[in-house]
């Protein structure tokens, strides 16, 4: 596993620590879960946009592929 150092504003760091404490988890684990969710959600968003653009420009893409 790779290490990532992340600087957080004091308010965010305290909120993360409080949430981790309330969930009986490590702040690092809570943050890793948040990053996974963000990447999943953003990936879905980007794939959706790409599919929409591909559909909107299907004729042009087909002609470029000829």
N, C-alpha and C. Protein backbone atom coordinates (compact mmCIF):
# COMPACT_ATOMS: atom_id res chain seq x y z
N UNK A 1 0.85 -1.17 0.00
CA UNK A 1 0.00 0.00 0.00
C UNK A 1 0.89 1.23 0.00
N UNK A 2 0.51 2.22 -0.80
CA UNK A 2 1.28 3.46 -0.87
C UNK A 2 0.83 4.42 0.21
N UNK A 3 1.76 5.23 0.66
CA UNK A 3 1.46 6.22 1.68
C UNK A 3 1.17 7.55 1.01
N UNK A 4 0.17 8.25 1.52
CA UNK A 4 -0.19 9.57 1.03
C UNK A 4 -0.32 10.50 2.23
N UNK A 5 0.40 11.60 2.17
CA UNK A 5 0.27 12.60 3.23
C UNK A 5 -0.73 13.63 2.76
N UNK A 6 -1.65 13.94 3.63
CA UNK A 6 -2.71 14.87 3.27
C UNK A 6 -2.82 15.94 4.35
N UNK A 7 -2.65 17.18 3.96
CA UNK A 7 -2.78 18.29 4.92
C UNK A 7 -4.23 18.72 4.93
N UNK A 8 -4.81 18.77 6.12
CA UNK A 8 -6.19 19.18 6.28
C UNK A 8 -6.25 20.43 7.13
N UNK A 9 -7.21 21.28 6.82
CA UNK A 9 -7.47 22.43 7.69
C UNK A 9 -7.85 21.89 9.06
N UNK A 10 -7.53 22.63 10.10
CA UNK A 10 -7.81 22.13 11.45
C UNK A 10 -9.26 21.68 11.66
N UNK A 11 -10.21 22.41 11.12
CA UNK A 11 -11.61 22.02 11.27
C UNK A 11 -11.92 20.68 10.64
N UNK A 12 -11.35 20.45 9.45
CA UNK A 12 -11.56 19.15 8.79
C UNK A 12 -10.88 18.03 9.55
N UNK A 13 -9.68 18.29 10.02
CA UNK A 13 -8.95 17.26 10.78
C UNK A 13 -9.72 16.88 12.04
N UNK A 14 -10.27 17.87 12.72
CA UNK A 14 -11.04 17.58 13.94
C UNK A 14 -12.33 16.83 13.61
N UNK A 15 -13.00 17.24 12.53
CA UNK A 15 -14.24 16.55 12.14
C UNK A 15 -13.95 15.11 11.77
N UNK A 16 -12.84 14.87 11.07
CA UNK A 16 -12.46 13.51 10.70
C UNK A 16 -12.15 12.69 11.94
N UNK A 17 -11.41 13.27 12.86
CA UNK A 17 -11.08 12.55 14.10
C UNK A 17 -12.34 12.25 14.91
N UNK A 18 -13.25 13.20 14.98
CA UNK A 18 -14.51 12.99 15.72
C UNK A 18 -15.34 11.89 15.09
N UNK A 19 -15.46 11.91 13.75
CA UNK A 19 -16.24 10.88 13.07
C UNK A 19 -15.60 9.51 13.26
N UNK A 20 -14.29 9.44 13.10
CA UNK A 20 -13.60 8.17 13.28
C UNK A 20 -13.80 7.66 14.70
N UNK A 21 -13.72 8.53 15.68
CA UNK A 21 -13.92 8.13 17.07
C UNK A 21 -15.34 7.62 17.28
N UNK A 22 -16.31 8.33 16.71
CA UNK A 22 -17.72 7.92 16.86
C UNK A 22 -17.98 6.57 16.21
N UNK A 23 -17.25 6.27 15.15
CA UNK A 23 -17.44 5.01 14.43
C UNK A 23 -16.48 3.93 14.91
N UNK A 24 -15.65 4.26 15.91
CA UNK A 24 -14.63 3.34 16.45
C UNK A 24 -13.71 2.83 15.33
N UNK A 25 -13.24 3.80 14.55
CA UNK A 25 -12.34 3.49 13.43
C UNK A 25 -11.16 4.44 13.47
N UNK A 26 -10.17 4.15 12.69
CA UNK A 26 -9.02 5.05 12.54
C UNK A 26 -9.38 6.15 11.54
N UNK A 27 -8.89 7.37 11.78
CA UNK A 27 -9.14 8.44 10.81
C UNK A 27 -8.65 8.07 9.40
N UNK A 28 -7.55 7.36 9.33
CA UNK A 28 -7.01 6.95 8.03
C UNK A 28 -7.98 6.06 7.28
N UNK A 29 -8.68 5.17 8.01
CA UNK A 29 -9.64 4.27 7.37
C UNK A 29 -10.87 5.02 6.90
N UNK A 30 -11.33 5.97 7.70
CA UNK A 30 -12.48 6.79 7.30
C UNK A 30 -12.13 7.60 6.06
N UNK A 31 -10.94 8.20 6.05
CA UNK A 31 -10.50 8.99 4.90
C UNK A 31 -10.36 8.11 3.65
N UNK A 32 -9.81 6.92 3.80
CA UNK A 32 -9.65 6.01 2.65
C UNK A 32 -11.02 5.63 2.08
N UNK A 33 -12.00 5.38 2.95
CA UNK A 33 -13.35 5.07 2.48
C UNK A 33 -13.93 6.26 1.72
N UNK A 34 -13.71 7.47 2.22
CA UNK A 34 -14.21 8.66 1.55
C UNK A 34 -13.58 8.82 0.17
N UNK A 35 -12.29 8.56 0.07
CA UNK A 35 -11.60 8.66 -1.22
C UNK A 35 -12.16 7.61 -2.18
N UNK A 36 -12.36 6.39 -1.70
CA UNK A 36 -12.93 5.34 -2.57
C UNK A 36 -14.30 5.74 -3.10
N UNK A 37 -15.15 6.27 -2.21
CA UNK A 37 -16.49 6.69 -2.64
C UNK A 37 -16.40 7.83 -3.65
N UNK A 38 -15.52 8.78 -3.40
CA UNK A 38 -15.36 9.91 -4.32
C UNK A 38 -14.90 9.42 -5.70
N UNK A 39 -13.92 8.55 -5.72
CA UNK A 39 -13.42 8.04 -7.00
C UNK A 39 -14.48 7.25 -7.74
N UNK A 40 -15.26 6.45 -7.01
CA UNK A 40 -16.35 5.70 -7.63
C UNK A 40 -17.39 6.64 -8.23
N UNK A 41 -17.81 7.62 -7.44
CA UNK A 41 -18.84 8.56 -7.89
C UNK A 41 -18.36 9.41 -9.06
N UNK A 42 -17.16 9.93 -8.97
CA UNK A 42 -16.61 10.75 -10.06
C UNK A 42 -16.40 9.91 -11.31
N UNK A 43 -15.95 8.66 -11.13
CA UNK A 43 -15.78 7.77 -12.28
C UNK A 43 -17.11 7.53 -12.99
N UNK A 44 -18.17 7.32 -12.23
CA UNK A 44 -19.50 7.14 -12.82
C UNK A 44 -19.93 8.40 -13.56
N UNK A 45 -19.67 9.55 -12.97
CA UNK A 45 -20.02 10.81 -13.60
C UNK A 45 -19.28 11.00 -14.92
N UNK A 46 -17.99 10.75 -14.92
CA UNK A 46 -17.18 10.92 -16.12
C UNK A 46 -17.61 9.92 -17.20
N UNK A 47 -17.89 8.67 -16.80
CA UNK A 47 -18.36 7.69 -17.79
C UNK A 47 -19.70 8.11 -18.38
N UNK A 48 -20.56 8.66 -17.56
CA UNK A 48 -21.86 9.13 -18.04
C UNK A 48 -21.69 10.27 -19.05
N UNK A 49 -20.83 11.22 -18.71
CA UNK A 49 -20.56 12.33 -19.64
C UNK A 49 -19.96 11.83 -20.94
N UNK A 50 -19.03 10.89 -20.85
CA UNK A 50 -18.39 10.35 -22.05
C UNK A 50 -19.42 9.64 -22.93
N UNK A 51 -20.31 8.87 -22.31
CA UNK A 51 -21.34 8.18 -23.08
C UNK A 51 -22.27 9.18 -23.75
N UNK A 52 -22.64 10.23 -23.03
CA UNK A 52 -23.52 11.25 -23.61
C UNK A 52 -22.83 11.95 -24.78
N UNK A 53 -21.56 12.32 -24.61
CA UNK A 53 -20.82 12.97 -25.69
C UNK A 53 -20.65 12.04 -26.90
N UNK A 54 -20.39 10.78 -26.62
CA UNK A 54 -20.24 9.81 -27.72
C UNK A 54 -21.55 9.68 -28.48
N UNK A 55 -22.67 9.66 -27.75
CA UNK A 55 -23.97 9.58 -28.42
C UNK A 55 -24.28 10.84 -29.20
N UNK A 56 -23.97 12.00 -28.61
CA UNK A 56 -24.24 13.28 -29.28
C UNK A 56 -23.42 13.44 -30.55
N UNK A 57 -22.25 12.83 -30.58
CA UNK A 57 -21.33 13.01 -31.70
C UNK A 57 -21.02 11.70 -32.41
N UNK A 58 -21.94 10.77 -32.35
CA UNK A 58 -21.71 9.44 -32.93
C UNK A 58 -21.39 9.52 -34.42
N UNK A 59 -22.10 10.39 -35.16
CA UNK A 59 -21.85 10.49 -36.59
C UNK A 59 -20.44 10.99 -36.86
N UNK A 60 -20.02 12.01 -36.14
CA UNK A 60 -18.67 12.54 -36.33
C UNK A 60 -17.63 11.48 -35.96
N UNK A 61 -17.83 10.80 -34.85
CA UNK A 61 -16.88 9.75 -34.45
C UNK A 61 -16.81 8.64 -35.49
N UNK A 62 -17.96 8.28 -36.05
CA UNK A 62 -17.97 7.24 -37.08
C UNK A 62 -17.17 7.72 -38.31
N UNK A 63 -17.37 8.97 -38.72
CA UNK A 63 -16.66 9.49 -39.89
C UNK A 63 -15.16 9.60 -39.63
N UNK A 64 -14.77 9.96 -38.42
CA UNK A 64 -13.35 10.03 -38.09
C UNK A 64 -12.71 8.66 -38.11
N UNK A 65 -13.49 7.62 -37.81
CA UNK A 65 -12.95 6.27 -37.79
C UNK A 65 -12.83 5.65 -39.17
N UNK A 66 -13.37 6.30 -40.18
CA UNK A 66 -13.31 5.74 -41.55
C UNK A 66 -11.98 5.98 -42.18
